[in-house]
Amino acid sequence: MSSVSTPCHLLGMAGFSGSGKTTLLRALLPQLRAEGLRLAVIKHTHHNVEQDTPGKDSYELRHAGASQTVLAGPERSILTLEYPRPQEPTLAASLAMLDTSALDLVLVEGFRDEPVSKLEIHRPAHQKPLLCQHDRHILAVATDNPALSAPVPLLDLNQPHLITACILGWLTTGRLTAVAC
């Protein structure tokens, strides 16, 4: 399954930029939540991110030198970690920030090369290679081309409710099969 140790399941969404990973996640999350799953998402980015507002106390305190800042509010809290120098985040470090004991499933967007179970999102029109040809951790390919030839089951990218059913089956059995999809 995964070399990353966590008490909950991990499922990556792998694909090239523009393939629809975020769009699929946005469709899957409410459906999986409706099934009672406790969910988290880790999204990798290569860009510098800013979630705070210049001029606000939390922003100013962080920029004054705090290496860790928690902005705690009644509906959400935000943890910001400042690194002394730019560094590529790891999946393990990102997971360590979550309370995985309170989760059933962490959906991971990005971290494409990590050895975790994944769904590949593939659009042949983008003319990118299939990742599943070289990644044994890919369980299935969600695609908009049902004629695609792949060594793993194909899922209809335009039918997120069927992909949700497959994920639920995988969580129960540990296998993702074309029959369940």
C-alpha atoms as a PDB file:
ATOM      1  CA  MET A   1       0.000   0.000   0.000  1.00  0.00           C
ATOM      2  CA  SER A   2       2.314   2.791   1.199  1.00  0.00           C
ATOM      3  CA  SER A   3       5.705   3.256   2.780  1.00  0.00           C
ATOM      4  CA  VAL A   4       4.304   6.255   4.673  1.00  0.00           C
ATOM      5  CA  SER A   5       2.939   5.128   8.055  1.00  0.00           C
ATOM      6  CA  THR A   6      -0.421   6.572   9.080  1.00  0.00           C
ATOM      7  CA  PRO A   7      -3.514   5.209  10.851  1.00  0.00           C
ATOM      8  CA  CYS A   8      -5.752   6.297   7.970  1.00  0.00           C
ATOM      9  CA  HIS A   9      -5.783   5.512   4.267  1.00  0.00           C
ATOM     10  CA  LEU A  10      -3.873   7.626   1.748  1.00  0.00           C
ATOM     11  CA  LEU A  11      -4.975   7.988  -1.846  1.00  0.00           C
ATOM     12  CA  GLY A  12      -3.028  10.115  -4.268  1.00  0.00           C
ATOM     13  CA  MET A  13      -4.342  11.874  -7.344  1.00  0.00           C
ATOM     14  CA  ALA A  14      -1.598  11.710  -9.953  1.00  0.00           C
ATOM     15  CA  GLY A  15      -1.532  13.414 -13.297  1.00  0.00           C
ATOM     16  CA  PHE A  16       0.082  16.138 -15.303  1.00  0.00           C
ATOM     17  CA  SER A  17      -0.834  19.785 -14.866  1.00  0.00           C
ATOM     18  CA  GLY A  18      -4.210  20.577 -16.393  1.00  0.00           C
ATOM     19  CA  SER A  19      -5.452  16.975 -16.309  1.00  0.00           C
ATOM     20  CA  GLY A  20      -8.247  17.738 -13.840  1.00  0.00           C
ATOM     21  CA  LYS A  21      -6.933  16.528 -10.478  1.00  0.00           C
ATOM     22  CA  THR A  22      -8.394  19.428  -8.499  1.00  0.00           C
ATOM     23  CA  THR A  23     -11.657  19.344 -10.441  1.00  0.00           C
ATOM     24  CA  LEU A  24     -12.060  15.650  -9.651  1.00  0.00           C
ATOM     25  CA  LEU A  25     -11.217  16.190  -5.981  1.00  0.00           C
ATOM     26  CA  ARG A  26     -13.804  18.975  -5.752  1.00  0.00           C
ATOM     27  CA  ALA A  27     -16.417  16.520  -7.066  1.00  0.00           C
ATOM     28  CA  LEU A  28     -15.307  13.598  -4.867  1.00  0.00           C
ATOM     29  CA  LEU A  29     -15.004  15.391  -1.535  1.00  0.00           C
ATOM     30  CA  PRO A  30     -18.711  16.124  -0.941  1.00  0.00           C
ATOM     31  CA  GLN A  31     -19.671  12.627  -2.093  1.00  0.00           C
ATOM     32  CA  LEU A  32     -17.145  10.927   0.197  1.00  0.00           C
ATOM     33  CA  ARG A  33     -18.145  13.193   3.078  1.00  0.00           C
ATOM     34  CA  ALA A  34     -21.808  12.288   2.490  1.00  0.00           C
ATOM     35  CA  GLU A  35     -20.748   8.657   3.036  1.00  0.00           C
ATOM     36  CA  GLY A  36     -19.554   9.624   6.516  1.00  0.00           C
ATOM     37  CA  LEU A  37     -15.837   9.675   5.813  1.00  0.00           C
ATOM     38  CA  ARG A  38     -13.560  11.985   7.763  1.00  0.00           C
ATOM     39  CA  LEU A  39     -11.368  13.556   5.099  1.00  0.00           C
ATOM     40  CA  ALA A  40      -8.275  15.656   4.659  1.00  0.00           C
ATOM     41  CA  VAL A  41      -6.479  16.905   1.576  1.00  0.00           C
ATOM     42  CA  ILE A  42      -2.797  17.575   1.095  1.00  0.00           C
ATOM     43  CA  LYS A  43      -2.075  19.580  -2.037  1.00  0.00           C
ATOM     44  CA  HIS A  44       1.494  20.066  -3.167  1.00  0.00           C
ATOM     45  CA  THR A  45       2.501  23.248  -4.939  1.00  0.00           C
ATOM     46  CA  HIS A  46       5.757  24.483  -6.401  1.00  0.00           C
ATOM     47  CA  HIS A  47       4.683  28.090  -5.852  1.00  0.00           C
ATOM     48  CA  ASN A  48       5.126  30.372  -2.872  1.00  0.00           C
ATOM     49  CA  VAL A  49       1.823  30.571  -0.992  1.00  0.00           C
ATOM     50  CA  GLU A  50       0.345  33.297   1.166  1.00  0.00           C
ATOM     51  CA  GLN A  51      -2.874  32.649   3.057  1.00  0.00           C
ATOM     52  CA  ASP A  52      -2.784  35.666   5.326  1.00  0.00           C
ATOM     53  CA  THR A  53      -3.543  39.327   4.711  1.00  0.00           C
ATOM     54  CA  PRO A  54      -0.809  41.979   4.857  1.00  0.00           C
ATOM     55  CA  GLY A  55      -1.503  44.406   7.685  1.00  0.00           C
ATOM     56  CA  LYS A  56      -3.370  41.865   9.844  1.00  0.00           C
ATOM     57  CA  ASP A  57      -1.836  40.985  13.228  1.00  0.00           C
ATOM     58  CA  SER A  58      -1.126  37.357  12.333  1.00  0.00           C
ATOM     59  CA  TYR A  59       0.633  38.402   9.127  1.00  0.00           C
ATOM     60  CA  GLU A  60       2.677  41.055  10.916  1.00  0.00           C
ATOM     61  CA  LEU A  61       3.653  38.723  13.776  1.00  0.00           C
ATOM     62  CA  ARG A  62       4.732  36.033  11.337  1.00  0.00           C
ATOM     63  CA  HIS A  63       6.804  38.482   9.353  1.00  0.00           C
ATOM     64  CA  ALA A  64       8.301  39.869  12.564  1.00  0.00           C
ATOM     65  CA  GLY A  65      10.010  36.526  13.103  1.00  0.00           C
ATOM     66  CA  ALA A  66       7.665  33.773  14.299  1.00  0.00           C
ATOM     67  CA  SER A  67       8.666  30.518  12.603  1.00  0.00           C
ATOM     68  CA  GLN A  68       5.296  28.943  13.462  1.00  0.00           C
ATOM     69  CA  THR A  69       2.005  30.777  13.700  1.00  0.00           C
ATOM     70  CA  VAL A  70      -1.466  29.453  14.480  1.00  0.00           C
ATOM     71  CA  LEU A  71      -4.334  31.732  13.598  1.00  0.00           C
ATOM     72  CA  ALA A  72      -7.092  30.233  15.754  1.00  0.00           C
ATOM     73  CA  GLY A  73     -10.702  31.100  14.977  1.00  0.00           C
ATOM     74  CA  PRO A  74     -14.160  29.784  15.849  1.00  0.00           C
ATOM     75  CA  GLU A  75     -14.662  28.028  12.485  1.00  0.00           C
ATOM     76  CA  ARG A  76     -11.101  27.161  11.466  1.00  0.00           C
ATOM     77  CA  SER A  77      -7.496  27.457  12.492  1.00  0.00           C
ATOM     78  CA  ILE A  78      -4.579  28.004  10.174  1.00  0.00           C
ATOM     79  CA  LEU A  79      -1.050  26.772  10.881  1.00  0.00           C
ATOM     80  CA  THR A  80       1.740  28.517   9.018  1.00  0.00           C
ATOM     81  CA  LEU A  81       5.308  27.254   9.127  1.00  0.00           C
ATOM     82  CA  GLU A  82       8.124  29.516   7.972  1.00  0.00           C
ATOM     83  CA  TYR A  83      11.223  27.741   6.733  1.00  0.00           C
ATOM     84  CA  PRO A  84      14.658  29.343   7.245  1.00  0.00           C
ATOM     85  CA  ARG A  85      15.363  28.700   3.553  1.00  0.00           C
ATOM     86  CA  PRO A  86      13.200  27.381   0.715  1.00  0.00           C
ATOM     87  CA  GLN A  87      12.853  23.610   0.816  1.00  0.00           C
ATOM     88  CA  GLU A  88      10.772  21.116  -1.069  1.00  0.00           C
ATOM     89  CA  PRO A  89       8.056  19.750   1.243  1.00  0.00           C
ATOM     90  CA  THR A  90       7.756  16.020   1.783  1.00  0.00           C
ATOM     91  CA  LEU A  91       4.590  14.006   2.034  1.00  0.00           C
ATOM     92  CA  ALA A  92       5.704  12.609   5.399  1.00  0.00           C
ATOM     93  CA  ALA A  93       6.219  16.121   6.838  1.00  0.00           C
ATOM     94  CA  SER A  94       2.871  17.246   5.437  1.00  0.00           C
ATOM     95  CA  LEU A  95       1.118  14.233   6.970  1.00  0.00           C
ATOM     96  CA  ALA A  96       2.790  14.948  10.322  1.00  0.00           C
ATOM     97  CA  MET A  97       0.833  18.225  10.456  1.00  0.00           C
ATOM     98  CA  LEU A  98      -2.482  16.340  10.380  1.00  0.00           C
ATOM     99  CA  ASP A  99      -4.215  14.437  13.159  1.00  0.00           C
ATOM    100  CA  THR A 100      -4.504  11.295  11.044  1.00  0.00           C
ATOM    101  CA  SER A 101      -6.042   9.368  13.967  1.00  0.00           C
ATOM    102  CA  ALA A 102      -9.172  11.510  13.431  1.00  0.00           C
ATOM    103  CA  LEU A 103      -9.321  10.766   9.702  1.00  0.00           C
ATOM    104  CA  ASP A 104     -10.466   7.919   7.485  1.00  0.00           C
ATOM    105  CA  LEU A 105      -8.856   9.117   4.274  1.00  0.00           C
ATOM    106  CA  VAL A 106      -6.258  11.654   3.202  1.00  0.00           C
ATOM    107  CA  LEU A 107      -6.475  12.588  -0.467  1.00  0.00           C
ATOM    108  CA  VAL A 108      -3.127  13.731  -1.815  1.00  0.00           C
ATOM    109  CA  GLU A 109      -2.800  15.931  -4.876  1.00  0.00           C
ATOM    110  CA  GLY A 110       0.736  16.128  -6.127  1.00  0.00           C
ATOM    111  CA  PHE A 111       3.643  14.198  -4.636  1.00  0.00           C
ATOM    112  CA  ARG A 112       3.290  12.154  -7.837  1.00  0.00           C
ATOM    113  CA  ASP A 113       6.436  10.092  -7.231  1.00  0.00           C
ATOM    114  CA  GLU A 114       5.576   9.028  -3.671  1.00  0.00           C
ATOM    115  CA  PRO A 115       4.990   5.284  -3.183  1.00  0.00           C
ATOM    116  CA  VAL A 116       1.330   5.579  -2.147  1.00  0.00           C
ATOM    117  CA  SER A 117      -1.813   4.173  -3.737  1.00  0.00           C
ATOM    118  CA  LYS A 118      -3.020   6.525  -6.469  1.00  0.00           C
ATOM    119  CA  LEU A 119      -5.618   7.217  -9.081  1.00  0.00           C
ATOM    120  CA  GLU A 120      -4.182   8.614 -12.273  1.00  0.00           C
ATOM    121  CA  ILE A 121      -6.105  11.389 -13.986  1.00  0.00           C
ATOM    122  CA  HIS A 122      -5.352  11.245 -17.700  1.00  0.00           C
ATOM    123  CA  ARG A 123      -6.698  13.136 -20.698  1.00  0.00           C
ATOM    124  CA  PRO A 124      -5.246  11.741 -23.952  1.00  0.00           C
ATOM    125  CA  ALA A 125      -5.957  15.087 -25.675  1.00  0.00           C
ATOM    126  CA  HIS A 126      -3.120  16.591 -23.595  1.00  0.00           C
ATOM    127  CA  GLN A 127      -0.689  14.193 -25.262  1.00  0.00           C
ATOM    128  CA  LYS A 128       1.108  13.236 -22.050  1.00  0.00           C
ATOM    129  CA  PRO A 129       2.289   9.697 -21.289  1.00  0.00           C
ATOM    130  CA  LEU A 130       0.377   7.370 -18.995  1.00  0.00           C
ATOM    131  CA  LEU A 131       1.990   7.340 -15.562  1.00  0.00           C
ATOM    132  CA  CYS A 132       0.604   3.879 -14.774  1.00  0.00           C
ATOM    133  CA  GLN A 133       2.994   2.376 -17.335  1.00  0.00           C
ATOM    134  CA  HIS A 134       5.835   2.968 -14.845  1.00  0.00           C
ATOM    135  CA  ASP A 135       4.136   3.433 -11.448  1.00  0.00           C
ATOM    136  CA  ARG A 136       2.953   0.231  -9.780  1.00  0.00           C
ATOM    137  CA  HIS A 137       1.125   2.264  -7.106  1.00  0.00           C
ATOM    138  CA  ILE A 138      -1.508   3.478  -9.569  1.00  0.00           C
ATOM    139  CA  LEU A 139      -4.706   1.514  -8.947  1.00  0.00           C
ATOM    140  CA  ALA A 140      -6.780   2.874 -11.847  1.00  0.00           C
ATOM    141  CA  VAL A 141      -6.903   5.611 -14.468  1.00  0.00           C
ATOM    142  CA  ALA A 142      -9.727   8.149 -14.491  1.00  0.00           C
ATOM    143  CA  THR A 143      -9.975   9.275 -18.108  1.00  0.00           C
ATOM    144  CA  ASP A 144     -12.309  10.938 -20.571  1.00  0.00           C
ATOM    145  CA  ASN A 145     -11.437   8.325 -23.228  1.00  0.00           C
ATOM    146  CA  PRO A 146     -13.035   4.885 -22.645  1.00  0.00           C
ATOM    147  CA  ALA A 147     -10.971   3.411 -25.497  1.00  0.00           C
ATOM    148  CA  LEU A 148      -7.689   4.114 -23.701  1.00  0.00           C
ATOM    149  CA  SER A 149      -5.433   1.091 -23.326  1.00  0.00           C
ATOM    150  CA  ALA A 150      -3.962   0.857 -19.820  1.00  0.00           C
ATOM    151  CA  PRO A 151      -2.613  -1.927 -17.578  1.00  0.00           C
ATOM    152  CA  VAL A 152      -5.040  -0.941 -14.782  1.00  0.00           C
ATOM    153  CA  PRO A 153      -8.842  -0.479 -14.648  1.00  0.00           C
ATOM    154  CA  LEU A 154     -10.308   2.594 -16.352  1.00  0.00           C
ATOM    155  CA  LEU A 155     -12.757   4.913 -14.609  1.00  0.00           C
ATOM    156  CA  ASP A 156     -14.961   7.451 -16.344  1.00  0.00           C
ATOM    157  CA  LEU A 157     -13.575  10.857 -15.369  1.00  0.00           C
ATOM    158  CA  ASN A 158     -16.987  12.377 -16.081  1.00  0.00           C
ATOM    159  CA  GLN A 159     -18.764  10.066 -13.592  1.00  0.00           C
ATOM    160  CA  PRO A 160     -17.382  11.050 -10.177  1.00  0.00           C
ATOM    161  CA  HIS A 161     -20.156   9.127  -8.382  1.00  0.00           C
ATOM    162  CA  LEU A 162     -18.758   5.910  -9.905  1.00  0.00           C
ATOM    163  CA  ILE A 163     -15.230   6.882  -8.861  1.00  0.00           C
ATOM    164  CA  THR A 164     -16.576   7.521  -5.349  1.00  0.00           C
ATOM    165  CA  ALA A 165     -18.065   4.000  -5.339  1.00  0.00           C
ATOM    166  CA  CYS A 166     -14.700   2.570  -6.392  1.00  0.00           C
ATOM    167  CA  ILE A 167     -12.887   4.456  -3.628  1.00  0.00           C
ATOM    168  CA  LEU A 168     -15.411   3.200  -1.062  1.00  0.00           C
ATOM    169  CA  GLY A 169     -14.869  -0.352  -2.320  1.00  0.00           C
ATOM    170  CA  TRP A 170     -11.095   0.101  -2.105  1.00  0.00           C
ATOM    171  CA  LEU A 171     -11.386   1.362   1.477  1.00  0.00           C
ATOM    172  CA  THR A 172     -13.390  -1.737   2.395  1.00  0.00           C
ATOM    173  CA  THR A 173     -11.508  -4.431   0.480  1.00  0.00           C
ATOM    174  CA  GLY A 174      -8.080  -2.945  -0.163  1.00  0.00           C
ATOM    175  CA  ARG A 175      -8.591  -3.570  -3.874  1.00  0.00           C
ATOM    176  CA  LEU A 176      -9.916  -1.449  -6.676  1.00  0.00           C
ATOM    177  CA  THR A 177     -11.478  -3.589  -9.357  1.00  0.00           C
ATOM    178  CA  ALA A 178     -13.099  -2.831 -12.675  1.00  0.00           C
ATOM    179  CA  VAL A 179     -16.157  -4.835 -11.596  1.00  0.00           C
ATOM    180  CA  ALA A 180     -16.898  -2.395  -8.759  1.00  0.00           C
ATOM    181  CA  CYS A 181     -16.562   0.518 -11.149  1.00  0.00           C
END
